[in-house]
């Protein structure tokens, strides 16, 4: 039998779409503060926000005669017609926050407008009450929420511990602080200050408050404007030497609204491909600015997800912005010589360095603070523009002199990068060079390898492999990629087929195949090179789009600055 739900039950169900946990309450209330033009926002939390939440701001306040109306469902000052949905720039607009919160908690709101002598206070408990009175209070709005979900024990028992809920609130406030560096945020948890930002409008300072000074020192600025289409990307990304084991440190902002987007995460991961070791993730704070009409923010009750009108344009804009920064600004990994380093067993100082392959356990030593970063950390293009080859060490590393000191170049990693970009470009241009073999080479495959070969025959051919069946699970290799002319054709093909067992996206498989071909075709460690070959390799590396790492994320070179050399030889203090 169909019947109408009771008003109280319907309110509780509706509240569940917006208010999932204490952090949801904080999100809705702080967003209201931001929309009210607040420059200072303080959040107080007790008992993980279940016992008490209080949000205080210095915004414009609510008119005295509208304080009660603010608790009516779908009451909002931010939109007036359906046309406004196409150009929303405010954080909130649904008019559901206060009534949803008040239906599952005890709420007290105090608000005062500027140039008004007094304010108004309203109290609502479990959706009922609305006791109004005049009070003295500062300009702005204060909302206190107590005993959250006490009337919904089923919802409350699914909350996590108070410390875990407080951690969620801290994460939310950190994202908002990064989105609004011009607002001074303060978060107090059980009487202890856990987050404070200056609100001076400098994103760097907000990053320091959230992630610390070390993280901020490793960030690279991103500034990118689209070709007159209103698309812009700005913010900071971590240098390849600074990475994390998960995606927690990635913040995407859309017109300053924090969002969660698998599409943007995929775009950023692809951009860092080849810069980071496997299963490591960058640090990023990126704001994507696009015309309001190009995005629908009204697809999720909590506004965490959005829908783009042109996914490919947003995807490409983010990649171009970040890739350009990484290629142009990312520093060459630098050897550091600690001033108080203990001697090695041979009597010399112990060297350490920061590089894209550094693991979580690597020890880092900061360069002398008196030396600017530009003095000791040249970008790849700057550092490679005038390298002079000195020689080869252990038939593995090229030793070169530059204007900023000495460079050690891994000949295999460097050649891998050169060949990887050459193969990728050839395939993209549909002009892959094929080296026909004078004598075909037979290779026997396992059943799994044969299935992979048959399923990916077109892909293999596009990369230069010419294969012909020759009996049961046996194939003749008649042609190989031009860059792989010196490799063992059978072994290289088997390695490529093993690589193809990775079930990734086509683009990832293409990159992995190009990396595999480059790896097997590159100059090996232990191979002697003459001066002409060494100079040719450095010249080709200099022309690469990403010269400072191989396709697998290892550094192609490391740098020992002139400053450190002079200090170790006693020429500088």
Protein backbone atom coordinates (compact mmCIF):
# COMPACT_ATOMS: atom_id res chain seq x y z
CA UNK A 1 0.00 0.00 0.00
CA UNK A 2 1.40 3.40 -0.98
CA UNK A 3 1.38 6.09 1.69
CA UNK A 4 3.09 9.39 2.44
CA UNK A 5 6.02 9.34 4.82
CA UNK A 6 5.69 11.27 8.04
CA UNK A 7 7.40 14.64 7.90
CA UNK A 8 9.91 13.75 10.65
CA UNK A 9 10.92 10.50 8.91
CA UNK A 10 11.21 12.18 5.52
CA UNK A 11 13.46 14.87 7.03
CA UNK A 12 15.76 12.26 8.55
CA UNK A 13 16.05 10.42 5.23
CA UNK A 14 16.76 13.66 3.36
CA UNK A 15 19.33 14.67 5.97
CA UNK A 16 21.18 11.41 5.35
CA UNK A 17 21.89 12.47 1.76
CA UNK A 18 23.74 15.60 2.93
CA UNK A 19 24.91 14.85 6.49
CA UNK A 20 26.78 11.57 6.56
CA UNK A 21 29.11 12.23 9.49
CA UNK A 22 30.53 15.13 11.55
CA UNK A 23 32.84 16.24 8.73
CA UNK A 24 29.75 16.70 6.53
CA UNK A 25 28.37 19.17 9.07
CA UNK A 26 31.65 21.10 9.11
CA UNK A 27 31.77 21.17 5.31
CA UNK A 28 28.28 22.63 4.96
CA UNK A 29 28.74 25.23 7.70
CA UNK A 30 32.21 26.39 6.60
CA UNK A 31 31.04 26.67 2.99
CA UNK A 32 28.21 28.92 4.21
CA UNK A 33 30.82 31.03 6.00
CA UNK A 34 32.89 31.33 2.84
CA UNK A 35 29.84 32.30 0.79
CA UNK A 36 29.14 34.99 3.41
CA UNK A 37 32.53 36.56 2.65
CA UNK A 38 34.24 35.53 5.89
CA UNK A 39 37.94 36.24 6.21
CA UNK A 40 38.23 34.34 9.51
CA UNK A 41 36.69 30.95 10.28
CA UNK A 42 37.16 29.02 13.52
CA UNK A 43 36.00 25.43 13.96
CA UNK A 44 35.79 23.84 17.41
CA UNK A 45 35.42 20.07 17.75
CA UNK A 46 34.76 17.93 20.83
CA UNK A 47 34.33 14.18 20.92
CA UNK A 48 35.09 13.82 17.21
CA UNK A 49 32.30 16.29 16.43
CA UNK A 50 29.64 13.94 17.80
CA UNK A 51 29.56 15.69 21.14
CA UNK A 52 29.98 19.26 19.84
CA UNK A 53 30.81 21.20 16.69
CA UNK A 54 31.01 24.96 16.53
CA UNK A 55 31.76 27.10 13.47
CA UNK A 56 32.33 30.82 14.00
CA UNK A 57 32.96 33.34 11.21
CA UNK A 58 33.17 37.08 10.67
CA UNK A 59 31.08 37.06 7.49
CA UNK A 60 28.20 39.28 6.50
CA UNK A 61 25.72 37.61 8.86
CA UNK A 62 22.03 36.83 8.36
CA UNK A 63 19.36 39.55 8.47
CA UNK A 64 17.40 39.37 11.72
CA UNK A 65 14.08 38.72 9.97
CA UNK A 66 15.56 35.82 7.95
CA UNK A 67 17.26 33.84 10.73
CA UNK A 68 14.25 31.56 11.21
CA UNK A 69 13.74 31.19 7.45
CA UNK A 70 17.29 29.83 7.11
CA UNK A 71 16.06 26.59 8.73
CA UNK A 72 13.34 26.02 6.13
CA UNK A 73 14.21 23.33 3.61
CA UNK A 74 15.33 24.69 0.20
CA UNK A 75 15.65 28.22 1.56
CA UNK A 76 18.69 29.89 -0.04
CA UNK A 77 20.00 33.31 -0.98
CA UNK A 78 22.29 31.99 -3.70
CA UNK A 79 20.01 31.15 -6.62
CA UNK A 80 16.63 32.47 -7.73
CA UNK A 81 15.91 30.58 -10.97
CA UNK A 82 16.94 27.45 -12.89
CA UNK A 83 19.16 29.60 -15.10
CA UNK A 84 21.40 30.25 -12.10
CA UNK A 85 22.36 26.57 -12.04
CA UNK A 86 24.40 27.15 -15.20
CA UNK A 87 26.63 29.79 -13.58
CA UNK A 88 27.01 28.81 -9.94
CA UNK A 89 30.11 30.26 -8.30
CA UNK A 90 29.08 29.91 -4.64
CA UNK A 91 30.06 26.90 -2.52
CA UNK A 92 26.49 26.13 -1.48
CA UNK A 93 23.18 26.71 -3.21
CA UNK A 94 20.71 23.93 -2.35
CA UNK A 95 19.38 25.43 0.88
CA UNK A 96 19.48 22.05 2.63
CA UNK A 97 22.41 22.38 5.05
CA UNK A 98 20.83 23.97 8.13
CA UNK A 99 17.50 22.09 8.05
CA UNK A 100 19.33 18.80 7.44
CA UNK A 101 21.68 19.38 10.35
CA UNK A 102 18.89 20.55 12.64
CA UNK A 103 16.84 17.39 11.97
CA UNK A 104 19.57 15.15 13.44
CA UNK A 105 21.08 17.33 16.18
CA UNK A 106 20.57 20.21 18.61
CA UNK A 107 21.51 23.44 16.83
CA UNK A 108 21.99 27.00 18.05
CA UNK A 109 22.63 29.77 15.52
CA UNK A 110 23.65 33.31 16.46
CA UNK A 111 24.10 35.90 13.73
CA UNK A 112 24.52 39.64 13.34
CA UNK A 113 24.86 41.84 10.28
CA UNK A 114 27.37 44.66 10.06
CA UNK A 115 26.15 48.09 11.20
CA UNK A 116 23.34 46.49 13.21
CA UNK A 117 23.29 46.97 16.98
CA UNK A 118 22.37 43.44 18.01
CA UNK A 119 21.99 39.94 16.66
CA UNK A 120 19.42 37.15 16.72
CA UNK A 121 19.65 33.69 18.21
CA UNK A 122 17.60 30.67 17.14
CA UNK A 123 17.63 27.18 18.66
CA UNK A 124 16.30 24.09 16.89
CA UNK A 125 16.33 20.60 18.43
CA UNK A 126 15.72 17.54 16.25
CA UNK A 127 13.90 19.66 13.69
CA UNK A 128 11.56 21.32 16.19
CA UNK A 129 11.58 24.44 18.35
CA UNK A 130 12.93 27.51 16.61
CA UNK A 131 13.08 29.57 19.78
CA UNK A 132 14.06 33.12 18.77
CA UNK A 133 15.53 35.91 20.87
CA UNK A 134 17.67 39.03 20.49
CA UNK A 135 21.26 38.81 21.77
CA UNK A 136 24.45 40.78 21.79
CA UNK A 137 27.14 39.23 19.55
CA UNK A 138 29.96 40.17 17.18
CA UNK A 139 29.38 40.62 13.45
CA UNK A 140 29.18 37.29 11.67
CA UNK A 141 27.59 33.93 12.40
CA UNK A 142 28.17 31.23 14.99
CA UNK A 143 26.57 27.78 14.66
CA UNK A 144 26.80 25.23 17.49
CA UNK A 145 25.81 21.62 16.83
CA UNK A 146 25.49 19.17 19.74
CA UNK A 147 24.53 15.51 20.21
CA UNK A 148 24.77 14.67 16.52
CA UNK A 149 22.67 11.65 15.43
CA UNK A 150 21.40 11.04 18.96
CA UNK A 151 17.91 10.56 17.50
CA UNK A 152 19.34 8.17 14.88
CA UNK A 153 21.23 5.49 16.84
CA UNK A 154 21.50 3.31 13.71
CA UNK A 155 23.42 6.08 11.97
CA UNK A 156 25.52 6.89 15.01
CA UNK A 157 26.78 3.34 15.53
CA UNK A 158 28.32 3.36 12.05
CA UNK A 159 30.51 6.35 12.88
CA UNK A 160 34.14 5.63 13.62
CA UNK A 161 36.02 6.52 16.79
CA UNK A 162 36.13 10.18 17.90
CA UNK A 163 39.80 10.41 16.86
CA UNK A 164 39.03 9.01 13.38
CA UNK A 165 36.12 11.41 12.89
CA UNK A 166 38.31 14.30 14.06
CA UNK A 167 40.95 13.23 11.50
CA UNK A 168 38.33 13.47 8.74
CA UNK A 169 37.48 16.99 9.86
CA UNK A 170 41.16 17.91 9.90
CA UNK A 171 41.55 16.60 6.33
CA UNK A 172 38.52 18.60 5.19
CA UNK A 173 39.76 21.81 6.82
CA UNK A 174 43.19 21.29 5.25
CA UNK A 175 41.63 21.10 1.77
CA UNK A 176 39.58 24.23 2.41
CA UNK A 177 42.67 26.04 3.68
CA UNK A 178 44.45 25.18 0.43
CA UNK A 179 41.46 26.31 -1.62
CA UNK A 180 41.12 29.62 0.25
CA UNK A 181 44.57 30.86 1.31
CA UNK A 182 43.04 34.32 1.76
CA UNK A 183 40.91 33.09 4.69
CA UNK A 184 42.40 32.60 8.17
CA UNK A 185 41.29 29.16 9.37
CA UNK A 186 41.67 27.74 12.85
CA UNK A 187 40.72 24.23 13.90
CA UNK A 188 40.55 23.24 17.56
CA UNK A 189 40.09 19.60 18.53
CA UNK A 190 39.33 18.91 22.19
CA UNK A 191 40.84 22.25 23.17
CA UNK A 192 44.03 21.81 21.10
CA UNK A 193 44.91 23.84 18.00
CA UNK A 194 45.63 21.40 15.15
CA UNK A 195 45.48 23.75 12.16
CA UNK A 196 46.08 27.48 11.85
CA UNK A 197 46.53 29.47 8.65
CA UNK A 198 47.42 33.13 8.27
CA UNK A 199 44.86 34.03 5.61
CA UNK A 200 47.40 36.28 3.88
CA UNK A 201 46.44 34.98 0.43
CA UNK A 202 49.79 33.25 -0.25
CA UNK A 203 49.23 29.62 -1.24
CA UNK A 204 52.80 28.73 -0.26
CA UNK A 205 52.07 29.73 3.33
CA UNK A 206 48.89 27.67 3.35
CA UNK A 207 50.87 24.66 2.08
CA UNK A 208 53.38 25.14 4.90
CA UNK A 209 50.54 25.21 7.45
CA UNK A 210 49.00 22.02 6.05
CA UNK A 211 51.97 19.93 4.86
CA UNK A 212 54.99 21.59 6.45
CA UNK A 213 57.99 23.56 5.23
CA UNK A 214 59.83 20.56 3.77
CA UNK A 215 56.93 19.74 1.45
CA UNK A 216 56.57 23.36 0.41
CA UNK A 217 60.28 23.58 -0.48
CA UNK A 218 59.82 20.67 -2.91
CA UNK A 219 56.79 22.15 -4.71
CA UNK A 220 56.89 23.58 -8.23
CA UNK A 221 54.54 26.36 -9.27
CA UNK A 222 52.06 25.66 -12.07
CA UNK A 223 50.62 28.55 -14.08
CA UNK A 224 48.84 27.73 -17.33
CA UNK A 225 46.27 29.66 -19.38
CA UNK A 226 44.34 28.00 -22.16
CA UNK A 227 44.23 29.52 -25.64
CA UNK A 228 41.46 32.04 -24.91
CA UNK A 229 38.86 29.44 -23.90
CA UNK A 230 38.63 30.37 -20.22
CA UNK A 231 40.45 27.24 -19.05
CA UNK A 232 43.24 27.88 -16.53
CA UNK A 233 45.30 25.68 -14.21
CA UNK A 234 47.26 27.06 -11.27
CA UNK A 235 48.78 25.83 -8.04
CA UNK A 236 51.73 23.66 -7.07
CA UNK A 237 52.94 20.12 -7.75
CA UNK A 238 55.71 18.15 -6.09
CA UNK A 239 59.07 17.76 -7.79
CA UNK A 240 59.75 14.17 -8.92
CA UNK A 241 62.06 13.71 -5.93
CA UNK A 242 59.16 14.32 -3.52
CA UNK A 243 56.47 11.65 -3.60
CA UNK A 244 54.16 9.68 -1.34
CA UNK A 245 52.88 6.12 -1.02
CA UNK A 246 49.22 7.10 -1.58
CA UNK A 247 47.04 9.80 -3.16
CA UNK A 248 46.16 11.52 0.12
CA UNK A 249 48.36 14.50 -0.73
CA UNK A 250 46.58 15.29 -4.01
CA UNK A 251 44.03 18.12 -3.88
CA UNK A 252 41.94 19.06 -6.90
CA UNK A 253 39.99 22.30 -6.79
CA UNK A 254 37.43 23.31 -9.40
CA UNK A 255 36.86 27.05 -9.31
CA UNK A 256 38.15 26.74 -5.69
CA UNK A 257 35.68 23.97 -4.83
CA UNK A 258 37.37 20.80 -3.53
CA UNK A 259 36.24 17.86 -5.64
CA UNK A 260 37.02 14.17 -6.03
CA UNK A 261 37.52 13.16 -9.64
CA UNK A 262 38.88 9.80 -10.88
CA UNK A 263 39.34 11.43 -14.27
CA UNK A 264 41.61 14.16 -12.91
CA UNK A 265 43.50 11.60 -10.82
CA UNK A 266 44.13 9.55 -13.95
CA UNK A 267 45.30 12.64 -15.83
CA UNK A 268 47.80 13.53 -13.09
CA UNK A 269 49.08 9.95 -12.81
CA UNK A 270 49.67 9.76 -16.57
CA UNK A 271 51.48 13.10 -16.48
CA UNK A 272 53.90 11.83 -13.85
CA UNK A 273 54.46 8.56 -15.69
CA UNK A 274 58.19 8.13 -16.12
CA UNK A 275 58.98 10.72 -13.45
CA UNK A 276 58.11 8.61 -10.38
CA UNK A 277 58.92 5.09 -9.26
CA UNK A 278 56.10 2.55 -9.46
CA UNK A 279 53.37 2.77 -6.82
CA UNK A 280 54.45 6.24 -5.73
CA UNK A 281 52.23 9.31 -6.05
CA UNK A 282 52.88 13.04 -6.34
CA UNK A 283 51.91 15.87 -4.04
CA UNK A 284 49.66 18.39 -5.76
CA UNK A 285 47.43 21.36 -5.02
CA UNK A 286 45.81 22.33 -8.31
CA UNK A 287 42.95 24.68 -9.07
CA UNK A 288 41.24 24.21 -12.43
CA UNK A 289 39.36 27.34 -13.45
CA UNK A 290 36.75 26.88 -16.17
CA UNK A 291 33.64 28.83 -17.19
CA UNK A 292 30.73 27.95 -14.83
CA UNK A 293 28.61 26.86 -17.77
CA UNK A 294 31.15 24.15 -18.62
CA UNK A 295 30.55 22.15 -15.43
CA UNK A 296 27.54 20.77 -13.56
CA UNK A 297 28.08 20.87 -9.80
CA UNK A 298 24.54 19.72 -9.08
CA UNK A 299 25.09 15.98 -9.53
CA UNK A 300 25.93 14.94 -5.96
CA UNK A 301 24.06 15.82 -2.74
CA UNK A 302 27.30 16.69 -0.95
CA UNK A 303 28.77 18.37 -4.07
CA UNK A 304 31.89 16.15 -3.93
CA UNK A 305 31.60 15.12 -7.57
CA UNK A 306 30.93 17.17 -10.69
CA UNK A 307 30.23 16.53 -14.34
CA UNK A 308 32.26 18.27 -17.05
CA UNK A 309 30.80 19.21 -20.39
CA UNK A 310 34.12 18.49 -22.12
CA UNK A 311 36.06 15.85 -20.20
CA UNK A 312 38.81 15.70 -22.81
CA UNK A 313 39.46 19.43 -22.62
CA UNK A 314 39.78 19.39 -18.84
CA UNK A 315 41.95 16.25 -19.01
CA UNK A 316 44.26 17.79 -21.59
CA UNK A 317 44.48 21.15 -19.83
CA UNK A 318 45.64 19.55 -16.60
CA UNK A 319 48.20 17.38 -18.37
CA UNK A 320 49.65 20.23 -20.44
CA UNK A 321 49.94 22.47 -17.38
CA UNK A 322 51.68 19.93 -15.15
CA UNK A 323 53.83 18.34 -17.84
CA UNK A 324 55.12 21.73 -18.93
CA UNK A 325 56.13 22.52 -15.36
CA UNK A 326 57.84 19.18 -14.78
CA UNK A 327 59.84 19.39 -17.98
CA UNK A 328 60.85 23.03 -17.58
CA UNK A 329 61.36 23.37 -13.85
CA UNK A 330 62.00 19.98 -12.23
CA UNK A 331 65.57 19.97 -10.91
CA UNK A 332 68.27 17.47 -11.72
CA UNK A 333 68.77 15.22 -8.64
CA UNK A 334 71.64 16.67 -6.66
CA UNK A 335 74.35 15.02 -4.61
CA UNK A 336 74.54 16.48 -1.10
CA UNK A 337 77.71 16.42 0.99
CA UNK A 338 76.84 16.96 4.67
CA UNK A 339 79.25 19.40 6.31
CA UNK A 340 79.59 17.06 9.29
CA UNK A 341 79.47 13.77 7.38
CA UNK A 342 81.36 10.87 8.98
CA UNK A 343 84.18 9.42 6.89
CA UNK A 344 83.62 6.33 4.80
CA UNK A 345 85.80 3.22 5.12
CA UNK A 346 88.07 4.73 2.46
CA UNK A 347 88.43 7.94 4.46
CA UNK A 348 86.31 10.26 2.29
CA UNK A 349 82.94 11.87 3.03
CA UNK A 350 79.73 9.91 2.63
CA UNK A 351 77.55 11.27 -0.17
CA UNK A 352 73.77 11.27 -0.24
CA UNK A 353 71.39 12.54 -2.87
CA UNK A 354 67.74 13.19 -3.58
CA UNK A 355 66.38 11.57 -6.71
CA UNK A 356 63.11 10.32 -8.22
CA UNK A 357 64.02 6.79 -7.11
CA UNK A 358 64.45 7.75 -3.47
CA UNK A 359 62.51 5.44 -1.19
CA UNK A 360 60.76 6.29 2.04
CA UNK A 361 63.87 5.31 3.96
CA UNK A 362 66.34 7.50 2.09
CA UNK A 363 68.22 10.06 4.16
CA UNK A 364 68.16 13.59 2.82
CA UNK A 365 70.61 16.35 3.66
CA UNK A 366 69.62 19.93 2.95
CA UNK A 367 71.96 22.17 0.98
CA UNK A 368 73.49 25.15 2.77
CA UNK A 369 70.66 27.65 3.42
CA UNK A 370 72.89 30.52 2.39
CA UNK A 371 72.93 29.19 -1.17
CA UNK A 372 69.84 29.80 -3.24
CA UNK A 373 68.06 26.87 -4.84
CA UNK A 374 68.84 28.24 -8.28
CA UNK A 375 72.57 28.16 -7.48
CA UNK A 376 72.71 24.47 -6.64
CA UNK A 377 69.71 22.93 -8.36
CA UNK A 378 69.66 23.84 -12.06
CA UNK A 379 66.80 22.61 -14.19
CA UNK A 380 67.60 19.86 -16.73
CA UNK A 381 67.63 22.19 -19.71
CA UNK A 382 69.79 24.76 -17.93
CA UNK A 383 72.23 22.16 -16.63
CA UNK A 384 72.60 20.34 -19.95
CA UNK A 385 72.88 23.28 -22.29
CA UNK A 386 76.67 23.46 -22.15
CA UNK A 387 77.94 20.15 -20.81
CA UNK A 388 81.51 19.16 -21.65
CA UNK A 389 82.21 15.43 -21.61
CA UNK A 390 85.23 14.56 -19.46
CA UNK A 391 85.14 10.78 -19.69
CA UNK A 392 83.48 7.51 -18.74
CA UNK A 393 83.56 5.89 -15.30
CA UNK A 394 83.32 2.11 -14.90
CA UNK A 395 82.03 1.94 -18.47
CA UNK A 396 78.64 2.89 -16.99
CA UNK A 397 78.56 6.60 -16.13
CA UNK A 398 79.46 9.57 -18.26
CA UNK A 399 81.28 12.33 -16.39
CA UNK A 400 80.54 15.83 -17.63
CA UNK A 401 81.37 19.37 -16.56
CA UNK A 402 78.73 22.10 -16.58
CA UNK A 403 78.58 25.74 -15.48
CA UNK A 404 77.05 24.67 -12.17
CA UNK A 405 79.39 21.80 -11.32
CA UNK A 406 79.77 18.14 -12.25
CA UNK A 407 77.16 15.82 -13.75
CA UNK A 408 77.16 12.01 -13.68
CA UNK A 409 75.00 10.52 -16.44
CA UNK A 410 73.81 6.91 -16.38
CA UNK A 411 74.43 5.85 -19.99
CA UNK A 412 71.78 3.10 -19.97
CA UNK A 413 69.04 5.24 -18.36
CA UNK A 414 69.86 8.17 -20.64
CA UNK A 415 69.76 6.04 -23.79
CA UNK A 416 66.50 4.46 -22.59
CA UNK A 417 64.89 7.91 -22.41
CA UNK A 418 66.13 8.82 -25.89
CA UNK A 419 64.86 5.58 -27.45
CA UNK A 420 61.56 5.65 -25.54
CA UNK A 421 60.68 9.08 -26.89
CA UNK A 422 61.83 8.11 -30.38
CA UNK A 423 59.69 4.95 -30.43
CA UNK A 424 56.66 6.77 -28.99
CA UNK A 425 56.96 9.52 -31.58
CA UNK A 426 57.35 7.07 -34.43
CA UNK A 427 54.21 5.19 -33.41
CA UNK A 428 52.24 8.43 -32.94
CA UNK A 429 53.33 9.57 -36.40
CA UNK A 430 52.50 6.14 -37.87
CA UNK A 431 56.02 5.92 -39.18
CA UNK A 432 57.64 3.15 -37.15
CA UNK A 433 60.91 2.01 -38.68
CA UNK A 434 61.18 -1.75 -39.19
CA UNK A 435 64.52 -3.59 -39.34
CA UNK A 436 64.08 -6.65 -41.54
CA UNK A 437 66.20 -9.61 -40.42
CA UNK A 438 68.46 -11.28 -42.96
CA UNK A 439 67.91 -14.56 -41.18
CA UNK A 440 64.50 -15.04 -39.48
CA UNK A 441 64.65 -16.08 -35.84
CA UNK A 442 62.28 -18.72 -34.49
CA UNK A 443 60.72 -18.39 -31.07
CA UNK A 444 58.56 -20.88 -29.21
CA UNK A 445 55.72 -19.47 -27.12
CA UNK A 446 53.72 -20.75 -24.19
CA UNK A 447 49.94 -21.07 -24.70
CA UNK A 448 49.43 -17.82 -22.72
CA UNK A 449 52.04 -15.97 -24.77
CA UNK A 450 50.55 -17.20 -28.04
CA UNK A 451 47.10 -15.97 -26.95
CA UNK A 452 48.55 -12.58 -26.13
CA UNK A 453 50.35 -12.41 -29.46
CA UNK A 454 47.23 -13.22 -31.43
CA UNK A 455 45.11 -10.76 -29.46
CA UNK A 456 47.64 -7.96 -29.92
CA UNK A 457 49.04 -8.67 -33.36
CA UNK A 458 48.09 -5.22 -34.70
CA UNK A 459 49.69 -3.49 -31.73
CA UNK A 460 52.90 -5.49 -32.14
CA UNK A 461 53.01 -4.71 -35.85
CA UNK A 462 52.53 -0.99 -35.16
CA UNK A 463 55.71 -1.11 -33.06
CA UNK A 464 57.73 -2.82 -35.80
CA UNK A 465 57.43 -6.56 -35.10
CA UNK A 466 56.88 -8.68 -38.21
CA UNK A 467 55.87 -12.21 -37.19
CA UNK A 468 54.91 -15.32 -39.11
CA UNK A 469 53.38 -18.59 -37.77
CA UNK A 470 55.81 -21.52 -38.06
CA UNK A 471 54.31 -24.64 -36.60
CA UNK A 472 52.58 -25.24 -33.29
CA UNK A 473 53.17 -22.27 -30.93
CA UNK A 474 56.28 -21.36 -32.92
CA UNK A 475 56.73 -18.10 -34.80
CA UNK A 476 59.36 -16.63 -37.06
CA UNK A 477 60.51 -13.11 -36.25
CA UNK A 478 61.17 -11.50 -39.64
CA UNK A 479 61.31 -7.86 -38.54
CA UNK A 480 61.91 -5.92 -35.36
CA UNK A 481 61.69 -2.22 -34.35
CA UNK A 482 64.44 -0.22 -35.98
CA UNK A 483 65.85 0.95 -32.65
CA UNK A 484 66.12 -2.68 -31.47
CA UNK A 485 68.40 -3.81 -34.27
CA UNK A 486 71.20 -4.88 -31.92
CA UNK A 487 69.09 -6.89 -29.47
CA UNK A 488 68.28 -10.59 -29.29
CA UNK A 489 64.97 -10.64 -31.25
CA UNK A 490 63.55 -13.75 -29.58
CA UNK A 491 64.34 -12.62 -26.04
CA UNK A 492 63.01 -9.10 -26.68
CA UNK A 493 59.73 -10.45 -28.09
CA UNK A 494 59.21 -12.75 -25.10
CA UNK A 495 59.80 -9.85 -22.71
CA UNK A 496 57.29 -7.70 -24.59
CA UNK A 497 54.67 -10.47 -24.46
CA UNK A 498 55.21 -10.91 -20.74
CA UNK A 499 54.75 -7.18 -20.33
CA UNK A 500 51.46 -7.35 -22.25
CA UNK A 501 49.98 -9.66 -19.63
CA UNK A 502 49.47 -6.47 -17.64
CA UNK A 503 45.82 -5.64 -18.15
CA UNK A 504 45.97 -1.88 -18.26
CA UNK A 505 44.47 0.76 -20.48
CA UNK A 506 45.63 0.80 -24.10
CA UNK A 507 47.60 3.98 -23.52
CA UNK A 508 49.41 2.42 -20.55
CA UNK A 509 50.19 -0.70 -22.58
CA UNK A 510 51.55 1.45 -25.39
CA UNK A 511 53.83 3.28 -22.96
CA UNK A 512 54.93 0.04 -21.32
CA UNK A 513 55.72 -1.51 -24.71
CA UNK A 514 57.73 1.52 -25.79
CA UNK A 515 59.59 1.41 -22.46
CA UNK A 516 60.31 -2.31 -22.87
CA UNK A 517 61.64 -1.86 -26.40
CA UNK A 518 63.80 1.06 -25.27
CA UNK A 519 65.15 -0.88 -22.29
CA UNK A 520 66.25 -3.85 -24.38
CA UNK A 521 67.73 -1.66 -27.10
CA UNK A 522 69.64 0.83 -24.97
CA UNK A 523 73.37 0.87 -24.36
CA UNK A 524 74.17 -1.41 -21.45
CA UNK A 525 76.17 -0.68 -18.34
CA UNK A 526 79.70 -1.94 -18.84
CA UNK A 527 79.91 -0.96 -22.52
CA UNK A 528 82.79 1.29 -23.54
CA UNK A 529 81.88 4.47 -25.45
CA UNK A 530 84.14 6.75 -27.41
CA UNK A 531 84.00 10.54 -27.14
CA UNK A 532 81.82 10.94 -30.24
CA UNK A 533 79.27 8.44 -28.92
CA UNK A 534 79.17 10.09 -25.51
CA UNK A 535 78.66 13.56 -26.97
CA UNK A 536 75.97 12.23 -29.31
CA UNK A 537 74.07 10.63 -26.42
CA UNK A 538 74.14 13.82 -24.34
CA UNK A 539 72.99 15.85 -27.34
CA UNK A 540 70.07 13.50 -27.95
CA UNK A 541 69.17 13.50 -24.26
CA UNK A 542 69.14 17.29 -24.23
CA UNK A 543 66.54 17.26 -27.01
CA UNK A 544 64.14 14.97 -25.08
CA UNK A 545 60.91 16.24 -23.58
CA UNK A 546 61.72 14.68 -20.18
CA UNK A 547 65.50 14.30 -20.06
CA UNK A 548 65.97 13.81 -16.34
CA UNK A 549 64.38 10.35 -15.85
CA UNK A 550 64.25 7.09 -17.76
CA UNK A 551 60.79 5.66 -18.68
CA UNK A 552 60.76 3.71 -15.40
CA UNK A 553 61.36 6.75 -13.22
CA UNK A 554 65.10 6.31 -12.53
CA UNK A 555 67.21 9.46 -12.81
CA UNK A 556 69.32 9.77 -15.94
CA UNK A 557 71.78 12.05 -14.18
CA UNK A 558 72.77 13.43 -10.81
CA UNK A 559 74.50 16.70 -10.05
CA UNK A 560 77.32 17.74 -7.72
CA UNK A 561 77.28 21.52 -7.45
CA UNK A 562 80.31 23.78 -7.66
CA UNK A 563 79.43 25.07 -4.20
CA UNK A 564 79.76 21.65 -2.60
CA UNK A 565 82.99 20.90 -4.46
CA UNK A 566 84.54 24.17 -3.30
CA UNK A 567 83.37 23.62 0.26
CA UNK A 568 84.84 20.11 0.43
CA UNK A 569 88.18 21.35 -0.89
CA UNK A 570 88.22 24.15 1.68
CA UNK A 571 87.71 26.96 -0.81
CA UNK A 572 84.40 28.00 0.78
CA UNK A 573 82.94 27.77 4.23
